[in-house]
Protein backbone atom coordinates (compact mmCIF):
# COMPACT_ATOMS: atom_id res chain seq x y z
CA MET A 1 88.65 54.56 73.44
CA GLU A 2 85.79 56.92 74.38
CA HIS A 3 87.66 60.19 73.90
CA GLN A 4 90.71 59.32 71.84
CA PRO A 5 91.29 61.19 68.56
CA ARG A 6 90.22 59.40 65.41
CA SER A 7 92.08 59.05 62.12
CA VAL A 8 91.43 58.42 58.45
CA SER A 9 92.68 54.83 58.69
CA GLN A 10 90.46 54.07 61.70
CA THR A 11 87.42 55.58 60.02
CA GLU A 12 87.91 53.77 56.72
CA GLN A 13 88.57 50.50 58.51
CA TYR A 14 85.37 50.82 60.53
CA LEU A 15 83.03 52.17 57.83
CA ASP A 16 84.41 50.76 54.59
CA LYS A 17 86.30 47.57 55.44
CA CYS A 18 85.18 45.67 58.52
CA ALA A 19 84.12 47.07 61.87
CA TRP A 20 84.82 43.67 63.46
CA GLN A 21 88.44 43.90 62.26
CA TYR A 22 88.55 47.31 63.95
CA TYR A 23 87.31 45.70 67.16
CA LEU A 24 89.84 42.86 67.06
CA GLN A 25 92.77 45.16 66.30
CA ARG A 26 91.98 48.21 68.37
CA VAL A 27 89.80 46.99 71.23
CA GLU A 28 90.76 43.35 71.81
CA ARG A 29 94.35 44.06 70.73
CA VAL A 30 94.77 40.77 68.85
CA GLN A 31 98.42 40.45 67.84
CA PRO A 32 98.43 40.97 64.04
CA ARG A 33 100.21 38.62 61.69
CA PRO A 34 103.17 40.37 60.08
CA ALA A 35 103.17 41.39 56.43
CA ALA A 36 106.22 42.46 54.46
CA TRP A 37 104.15 45.00 52.54
CA SER A 38 103.67 47.04 55.70
CA PHE A 39 107.41 47.20 56.43
CA HIS A 40 108.09 48.00 52.77
CA GLY A 41 105.80 51.05 52.98
CA THR A 42 107.16 52.26 56.30
CA ALA A 43 110.80 52.01 55.23
CA PHE A 44 110.14 53.71 51.89
CA HIS A 45 108.40 56.62 53.61
CA SER A 46 111.26 57.03 56.09
CA ALA A 47 113.89 57.05 53.36
CA ALA A 48 111.94 59.51 51.18
CA GLU A 49 111.37 61.83 54.14
CA ALA A 50 115.04 61.79 55.12
CA TRP A 51 116.01 62.58 51.53
CA GLU A 52 113.66 65.55 51.39
CA ARG A 53 114.69 66.83 54.85
CA SER A 54 118.29 66.86 53.67
CA SER A 55 117.22 69.31 50.94
CA ARG A 56 118.14 66.48 48.56
CA ALA A 57 121.77 66.76 49.57
CA MET A 58 122.20 63.10 50.58
CA ARG A 59 123.91 60.74 48.20
CA PRO A 60 121.44 58.36 46.53
CA GLU A 61 123.18 55.36 48.08
CA GLU A 62 122.71 56.88 51.54
CA VAL A 63 118.97 57.02 50.93
CA THR A 64 118.78 53.40 49.81
CA ASP A 65 120.93 52.45 52.80
CA LEU A 66 118.26 54.03 55.01
CA PHE A 67 115.61 51.87 53.36
CA HIS A 68 117.82 48.81 53.84
CA ASP A 69 118.41 49.54 57.52
CA GLU A 70 114.79 50.26 58.45
CA TYR A 71 113.28 47.45 56.40
CA SER A 72 115.77 44.97 57.84
CA ALA A 73 115.14 46.15 61.40
CA LEU A 74 111.36 45.93 61.02
CA VAL A 75 111.49 42.49 59.41
CA ASN A 76 113.92 41.12 61.99
CA ALA A 77 111.79 42.39 64.87
CA ALA A 78 108.73 40.75 63.32
CA LEU A 79 110.65 37.50 62.81
CA ASP A 80 111.46 37.50 66.51
CA ARG A 81 107.71 37.65 67.23
CA GLU A 82 106.70 35.24 64.46
CA PRO A 83 109.59 33.18 63.07
CA ASP A 84 107.33 30.96 60.94
CA THR A 85 107.13 32.92 57.68
CA ASP A 86 104.36 30.59 56.47
CA ARG A 87 102.16 32.42 58.94
CA TRP A 88 103.04 35.81 57.48
CA LEU A 89 100.58 37.50 55.15
CA ALA A 90 101.62 37.63 51.52
CA ALA A 91 99.90 38.58 48.30
CA GLY A 92 99.58 36.57 45.11
CA ARG A 93 101.58 33.43 44.58
CA TYR A 94 104.34 34.32 47.04
CA THR A 95 105.02 32.71 50.37
CA GLY A 96 105.75 34.90 53.36
CA GLY A 97 109.48 34.26 53.06
CA GLU A 98 109.51 34.96 49.32
CA ASP A 99 107.58 38.19 49.84
CA ILE A 100 110.11 39.41 52.41
CA GLU A 101 112.92 39.06 49.85
CA ARG A 102 110.84 40.36 46.95
CA ARG A 103 109.77 43.51 48.76
CA TYR A 104 113.30 44.24 49.87
CA GLY A 105 114.36 44.36 46.21
CA LEU A 106 111.30 46.37 45.20
CA GLY A 107 111.83 48.84 48.02
CA MET A 108 115.47 49.41 47.15
CA GLU A 109 114.55 50.03 43.50
CA GLN A 110 111.61 52.28 44.38
CA THR A 111 113.66 54.34 46.81
CA ALA A 112 116.36 54.94 44.21
CA ALA A 113 113.67 55.79 41.64
CA TYR A 114 112.06 58.32 44.00
CA VAL A 115 115.40 60.08 44.50
CA GLU A 116 115.90 60.27 40.74
CA TRP A 117 112.33 61.44 40.16
CA SER A 118 112.55 64.22 42.77
CA GLN A 119 115.92 65.38 41.43
CA THR A 120 114.39 65.68 37.97
CA ASN A 121 111.05 67.22 38.94
CA GLU A 122 112.16 69.22 42.00
CA PRO A 123 108.80 69.43 43.82
CA ALA A 124 108.81 72.50 46.07
CA ILE A 125 108.15 71.47 49.67
CA TRP A 126 105.97 74.04 51.45
CA THR A 127 107.33 75.72 54.60
CA GLU A 128 105.10 75.17 57.62
CA PRO A 129 104.02 78.52 59.14
CA GLY A 130 105.22 79.03 62.68
CA THR A 131 107.91 76.36 62.69
CA GLY A 132 109.68 77.32 59.48
CA GLY A 133 110.31 73.64 58.82
CA PRO A 134 109.57 71.66 55.67
CA ALA A 135 106.00 70.34 55.41
CA LEU A 136 106.93 66.67 55.59
CA GLU A 137 104.94 64.24 57.73
CA LEU A 138 102.95 67.33 58.63
CA SER A 139 101.09 66.68 61.88
CA PHE A 140 97.57 67.99 62.33
CA MET A 141 94.85 67.85 64.98
CA VAL A 142 91.47 69.29 64.02
CA GLU A 143 87.83 68.87 64.95
CA LEU A 144 85.52 67.44 62.30
CA GLY A 145 81.95 66.47 62.95
CA GLY A 146 82.48 67.13 66.64
CA VAL A 147 85.31 64.58 66.69
CA LYS A 148 89.01 65.20 67.27
CA VAL A 149 90.87 63.99 64.19
CA ARG A 150 94.61 63.61 63.94
CA GLY A 151 96.92 62.62 61.13
CA PHE A 152 100.12 63.16 59.21
CA ILE A 153 100.34 64.54 55.67
CA ASP A 154 103.27 63.03 53.77
CA GLN A 155 104.01 66.20 51.83
CA ALA A 156 102.52 69.66 51.30
CA LEU A 157 103.90 71.40 48.23
CA GLU A 158 103.94 74.97 46.96
CA GLU A 159 103.16 75.24 43.27
CA ILE A 160 104.36 77.88 40.82
CA ASP A 161 101.19 79.94 41.27
CA GLY A 162 101.65 79.89 45.05
CA LYS A 163 98.85 77.40 45.65
CA ILE A 164 99.34 74.44 47.98
CA ARG A 165 98.96 70.80 46.95
CA VAL A 166 98.96 67.81 49.29
CA ARG A 167 100.62 64.55 48.31
CA ASP A 168 100.54 61.04 49.70
CA LEU A 169 103.31 58.55 48.89
CA LYS A 170 102.04 55.08 48.01
CA THR A 171 103.96 51.82 47.67
CA GLY A 172 100.76 49.79 47.32
CA THR A 173 97.74 49.97 45.04
CA MET A 174 95.07 51.15 47.49
CA LYS A 175 94.37 54.88 47.19
CA SER A 176 91.97 56.85 49.37
CA ARG A 177 90.22 59.95 48.07
CA PHE A 178 88.75 60.44 51.55
CA GLN A 179 92.29 60.66 52.92
CA LEU A 180 93.23 63.44 50.51
CA GLU A 181 89.96 65.26 51.16
CA THR A 182 90.56 65.09 54.91
CA TYR A 183 94.04 66.52 54.39
CA ALA A 184 92.63 69.42 52.38
CA VAL A 185 90.08 70.22 55.09
CA ALA A 186 92.76 69.92 57.81
CA MET A 187 95.05 72.32 55.95
CA ARG A 188 92.19 74.80 55.69
CA GLN A 189 91.26 74.53 59.35
CA GLN A 190 94.68 74.34 60.99
CA TRP A 191 96.75 76.61 58.75
CA GLY A 192 94.12 78.67 56.92
CA VAL A 193 95.39 77.38 53.59
CA GLU A 194 93.09 76.46 50.71
CA VAL A 195 94.06 73.29 48.84
CA GLU A 196 92.49 72.80 45.42
CA LEU A 197 94.42 69.76 44.20
CA ALA A 198 95.98 66.66 45.73
CA ASP A 199 97.70 63.60 44.33
CA TRP A 200 99.64 60.42 45.04
CA TYR A 201 103.23 59.58 44.22
CA LEU A 202 102.96 55.98 42.98
CA ALA A 203 106.17 54.18 43.85
CA LYS A 204 105.13 51.14 41.81
CA ASN A 205 105.24 53.29 38.66
CA GLY A 206 107.70 56.00 39.67
CA ARG A 207 105.28 58.79 38.78
CA LEU A 208 102.43 60.94 40.03
CA SER A 209 98.77 60.06 39.78
CA ARG A 210 96.33 62.35 38.09
CA PRO A 211 95.45 65.29 40.34
CA VAL A 212 92.37 64.96 42.51
CA LYS A 213 90.12 67.99 42.96
CA VAL A 214 89.64 68.55 46.69
CA GLY A 215 88.96 72.28 46.87
CA GLU A 216 85.18 72.06 47.06
CA VAL A 217 84.89 69.36 49.70
CA SER A 218 83.11 70.66 52.79
CA GLU A 219 84.03 70.19 56.42
CA ASP A 220 80.47 68.99 57.09
CA GLU A 221 80.76 66.27 54.44
CA ILE A 222 84.06 64.96 55.76
CA GLY A 223 83.06 65.46 59.37
CA GLN A 224 79.96 63.30 58.99
CA LYS A 225 82.07 60.22 58.30
CA PHE A 226 84.17 60.76 61.39
CA ALA A 227 81.01 61.38 63.42
CA ASP A 228 79.40 58.16 62.13
CA MET A 229 82.48 56.13 62.94
CA ASP A 230 82.91 57.68 66.38
CA ALA A 231 79.26 57.08 67.27
CA GLY A 232 79.40 53.45 66.15
CA VAL A 233 82.49 52.72 68.22
CA LYS A 234 80.98 54.36 71.29
CA ARG A 235 77.81 52.28 70.85
CA GLY A 236 79.93 49.13 70.76
CA ASP A 237 78.56 48.35 67.31
CA PHE A 238 81.07 46.24 65.38
CA PRO A 239 79.38 44.37 62.50
CA ALA A 240 81.51 41.88 60.59
CA SER A 241 81.92 42.05 56.81
CA PRO A 242 83.16 38.57 55.84
CA GLY A 243 84.35 38.08 52.29
CA PHE A 244 87.37 37.51 50.07
CA ASP A 245 89.37 40.28 51.74
CA CYS A 246 89.39 38.23 54.96
CA ASN A 247 92.25 36.25 53.42
CA PHE A 248 94.41 39.39 53.72
CA CYS A 249 93.29 40.39 57.21
CA ASP A 250 96.13 40.40 59.75
CA VAL A 251 93.83 39.45 62.65
CA SER A 252 91.81 36.77 60.85
CA HIS A 253 93.37 34.13 63.13
CA GLY A 254 91.42 35.66 66.01
CA CYS A 255 88.15 36.05 64.07
CA ILE A 256 85.13 33.80 64.66
CA PHE A 257 83.75 34.76 61.24
CA PHE A 258 86.82 33.81 59.21
CA SER A 259 86.95 30.81 56.93
CA PRO A 260 89.83 30.36 54.43
CA LYS A 261 87.22 29.51 51.81
CA THR A 262 85.54 32.92 51.96
């Protein structure tokens, strides 16, 4: 834990959500309760990546079959660990079992819609220097604020004017500007590429978000957040942030601060 690389998700969890959740998940290793929304996102990303890596040569049904196979495998593995779907996390009025079925249908529809959208709009995937491969799930490792930071950029794209844009694919509603800003800084540091704009592909709507300006963000500004998080973890400082969001925490069953009435 002392010297491991940090990530956007770790940093946001610690600084913006709940440092105690970070402790339970990443230090105590409390077994999280499964949530269909996580498997939905993972399977959608895998199918979209495979489609793009094929240079959009796959048949649309092959892409949705990939979603089906990965989602089913992830859900079945989780059911082996926790067969009681009433203990699964689920949003809104749905039970865990209902959410499993609902998200399967949503994911199949969203995967097909992404294929259709990309065929129509033909976003130009950037070619990663050195490897010559498409910039999909682009891996980076940089130093920000004196901290090693690693991550994966869903897509880097080359626009008509030759500029590079970074894109994150979202099946949920939570969007992170800090994530896009970190990606822009990482592109600058690791590949020497300036990124002025970034955006999200919103699977729920089948369209892009408005572009986010990321060109002026400084390495010092982004690095400070990673430094603050890293220092807090090394101090063993994990303050709890109890509230309504605790009801959607996958390690709340191991939390001394959790009450279903919060």
